[in-house]
Protein backbone atom coordinates (compact mmCIF):
# COMPACT_ATOMS: atom_id res chain seq x y z
CA UNK A 1 -5.27 40.14 4.51
CA UNK A 2 -4.25 36.57 3.55
CA UNK A 3 0.02 36.10 3.59
CA UNK A 4 1.60 33.74 1.17
CA UNK A 5 4.70 31.72 2.22
CA UNK A 6 6.65 29.61 0.24
CA UNK A 7 7.00 25.89 0.96
CA UNK A 8 10.75 26.82 2.41
CA UNK A 9 9.26 29.15 4.97
CA UNK A 10 6.54 28.07 6.16
CA UNK A 11 9.36 24.42 6.34
CA UNK A 12 12.08 27.22 8.57
CA UNK A 13 8.78 28.15 10.20
CA UNK A 14 8.17 24.90 11.34
CA UNK A 15 11.63 23.48 12.67
CA UNK A 16 12.12 26.93 14.59
CA UNK A 17 8.61 27.62 16.11
CA UNK A 18 8.65 28.51 19.14
CA UNK A 19 5.19 28.96 20.81
CA UNK A 20 5.12 32.33 21.61
CA UNK A 21 5.54 32.69 18.01
CA UNK A 22 2.45 31.03 16.38
CA UNK A 23 -0.17 31.80 18.99
CA UNK A 24 -3.23 29.09 17.96
CA UNK A 25 -0.92 26.47 17.40
CA UNK A 26 0.60 24.04 20.24
CA UNK A 27 3.17 21.51 18.95
CA UNK A 28 0.59 18.61 17.69
CA UNK A 29 -0.50 20.99 15.27
CA UNK A 30 2.81 21.90 13.84
CA UNK A 31 3.80 18.17 13.43
CA UNK A 32 0.90 17.13 11.39
CA UNK A 33 1.43 20.66 9.37
CA UNK A 34 5.83 19.10 9.14
CA UNK A 35 4.70 16.07 8.07
CA UNK A 36 2.35 17.10 5.47
CA UNK A 37 5.31 19.36 3.97
CA UNK A 38 7.58 16.21 4.21
CA UNK A 39 5.20 13.82 2.55
CA UNK A 40 4.47 16.05 -0.42
CA UNK A 41 7.95 15.73 -1.30
CA UNK A 42 8.77 12.33 -0.12
CA UNK A 43 8.75 9.33 -3.10
CA UNK A 44 7.29 6.17 -2.38
CA UNK A 45 10.47 4.54 -3.15
CA UNK A 46 11.72 6.04 0.02
CA UNK A 47 9.07 4.63 2.61
CA UNK A 48 8.27 1.11 1.09
CA UNK A 49 9.26 -2.29 2.39
CA UNK A 50 11.29 -3.52 0.04
CA UNK A 51 10.09 -7.26 -2.30
CA UNK A 52 13.01 -9.26 -0.71
CA UNK A 53 11.64 -8.45 2.62
CA UNK A 54 7.37 -8.40 2.28
CA UNK A 55 5.42 -10.94 3.27
CA UNK A 56 3.38 -12.87 0.25
CA UNK A 57 1.25 -15.63 -0.76
CA UNK A 58 0.69 -17.38 -3.75
CA UNK A 59 -2.09 -18.07 -6.35
CA UNK A 60 -0.92 -21.69 -5.27
CA UNK A 61 -0.82 -21.31 -1.25
CA UNK A 62 -2.73 -24.06 0.40
CA UNK A 63 -5.41 -21.49 2.91
CA UNK A 64 -4.60 -24.76 5.59
CA UNK A 65 -4.67 -23.71 9.60
CA UNK A 66 -0.82 -23.42 9.15
CA UNK A 67 -1.23 -20.37 6.69
CA UNK A 68 -3.73 -19.33 8.37
CA UNK A 69 -1.50 -18.95 11.11
CA UNK A 70 0.79 -17.55 9.15
CA UNK A 71 -1.40 -14.75 7.43
CA UNK A 72 -2.18 -14.16 11.66
CA UNK A 73 1.29 -14.23 12.96
CA UNK A 74 2.05 -11.83 9.94
CA UNK A 75 0.72 -8.56 11.80
CA UNK A 76 -0.80 -7.75 8.03
CA UNK A 77 -4.95 -6.89 7.44
CA UNK A 78 -3.13 -7.03 3.81
CA UNK A 79 -1.19 -9.60 1.90
CA UNK A 80 0.19 -9.29 -1.65
CA UNK A 81 0.13 -12.46 -3.57
CA UNK A 82 2.60 -12.97 -6.42
CA UNK A 83 1.81 -15.26 -9.82
CA UNK A 84 4.46 -17.89 -8.19
CA UNK A 85 7.80 -18.33 -6.29
CA UNK A 86 9.63 -17.68 -9.40
CA UNK A 87 7.57 -14.75 -11.04
CA UNK A 88 6.93 -12.22 -7.97
CA UNK A 89 5.09 -10.23 -9.62
CA UNK A 90 2.28 -9.03 -7.21
CA UNK A 91 -1.08 -9.64 -8.90
CA UNK A 92 -3.46 -9.44 -6.20
CA UNK A 93 -3.36 -7.69 -2.24
CA UNK A 94 -5.84 -10.27 0.04
CA UNK A 95 -7.79 -9.09 2.15
CA UNK A 96 -7.43 -11.25 5.94
CA UNK A 97 -10.70 -9.88 7.01
CA UNK A 98 -12.15 -11.86 4.33
CA UNK A 99 -10.66 -15.41 5.69
CA UNK A 100 -13.01 -14.86 8.99
CA UNK A 101 -15.69 -16.83 6.75
CA UNK A 102 -13.47 -19.34 5.45
CA UNK A 103 -12.83 -22.58 6.49
CA UNK A 104 -8.82 -23.88 6.66
CA UNK A 105 -8.49 -27.00 3.82
CA UNK A 106 -6.84 -28.16 0.91
CA UNK A 107 -8.04 -25.21 -1.90
CA UNK A 108 -5.26 -22.89 -3.46
CA UNK A 109 -5.51 -18.90 -3.16
CA UNK A 110 -6.87 -19.33 -6.78
CA UNK A 111 -8.98 -21.64 -6.54
CA UNK A 112 -10.61 -19.74 -3.72
CA UNK A 113 -11.04 -16.10 -5.16
CA UNK A 114 -12.27 -18.34 -8.00
CA UNK A 115 -15.19 -19.82 -5.89
CA UNK A 116 -15.80 -16.30 -4.83
CA UNK A 117 -14.62 -17.45 -1.52
CA UNK A 118 -11.76 -14.52 -0.99
CA UNK A 119 -11.56 -11.44 -1.98
CA UNK A 120 -7.61 -10.00 -3.53
CA UNK A 121 -7.92 -6.45 -4.81
CA UNK A 122 -6.33 -4.97 -7.47
CA UNK A 123 -3.22 -3.45 -6.40
CA UNK A 124 -2.69 0.90 -7.06
CA UNK A 125 0.85 0.31 -9.56
CA UNK A 126 2.49 3.67 -9.32
CA UNK A 127 5.73 4.59 -10.11
CA UNK A 128 8.66 4.50 -7.70
CA UNK A 129 9.01 8.81 -7.98
CA UNK A 130 5.37 9.02 -7.21
CA UNK A 131 5.13 10.82 -4.75
CA UNK A 132 3.49 9.69 -1.06
CA UNK A 133 0.39 12.60 -0.29
CA UNK A 134 -1.06 11.42 -3.90
CA UNK A 135 -0.32 7.82 -3.23
CA UNK A 136 -2.24 8.05 0.09
CA UNK A 137 -5.11 10.38 -1.25
CA UNK A 138 -5.94 7.74 -3.37
CA UNK A 139 -5.99 5.19 -0.76
CA UNK A 140 -8.73 7.40 0.61
CA UNK A 141 -10.57 7.68 -2.73
CA UNK A 142 -11.17 3.65 -2.45
CA UNK A 143 -8.68 2.81 -5.42
CA UNK A 144 -7.08 0.65 -3.50
CA UNK A 145 -5.71 -0.68 -0.13
CA UNK A 146 -1.74 -0.70 -1.11
CA UNK A 147 0.35 0.07 -4.12
CA UNK A 148 2.81 -1.57 -5.04
CA UNK A 149 6.59 0.53 -6.67
CA UNK A 150 7.62 -0.03 -9.80
CA UNK A 151 11.15 1.13 -11.25
CA UNK A 152 10.11 0.84 -15.03
CA UNK A 153 8.63 4.16 -16.63
CA UNK A 154 5.72 2.57 -18.64
CA UNK A 155 5.61 -0.09 -15.39
CA UNK A 156 1.74 0.74 -14.13
CA UNK A 157 0.07 0.56 -17.06
CA UNK A 158 2.04 -1.95 -18.43
CA UNK A 159 1.64 -3.77 -14.91
CA UNK A 160 -1.76 -3.10 -14.17
CA UNK A 161 -3.08 -4.15 -17.55
CA UNK A 162 -1.28 -7.90 -16.64
CA UNK A 163 -3.05 -8.55 -13.09
CA UNK A 164 -6.03 -7.84 -14.63
CA UNK A 165 -5.21 -10.37 -17.66
CA UNK A 166 -4.86 -12.65 -14.75
CA UNK A 167 -7.76 -12.16 -12.60
CA UNK A 168 -9.82 -12.93 -15.42
CA UNK A 169 -8.18 -15.60 -16.14
CA UNK A 170 -8.47 -16.96 -12.76
């Protein structure tokens, strides 16, 4: 016998869950199922870090000891790389683990990327109304390590092309 329930019915059941009424489902399982339903309804704009609160570097940032210390102190494994301080367009994502084999120097992020000494990945650009679950699935498929949320309807395609062009120019 297969029982089909609407998303609302499942959500209501999970919120009013009593262990005796749902044999085989403990509180951890209920929390996981509730979270999955929540992610399906949540837009990325609800969980994103606003641009003015984002830790980032610039193509012109010098990768000296101070910058490396700031990266370490930020605690992030992925750092957005913006075109410049005047143009905060994110052109890529620096995977901080690639800095392990790079000595501090007076070279810029752009120079180190061109020399293939660091990895900068093209980010996933998503519209602000994109679903968190779908975006998470794109991460699992290896499309990116971080998503950049765009407000414009035509933003993702246009921005992705701009990022690809900028990376070709570097």
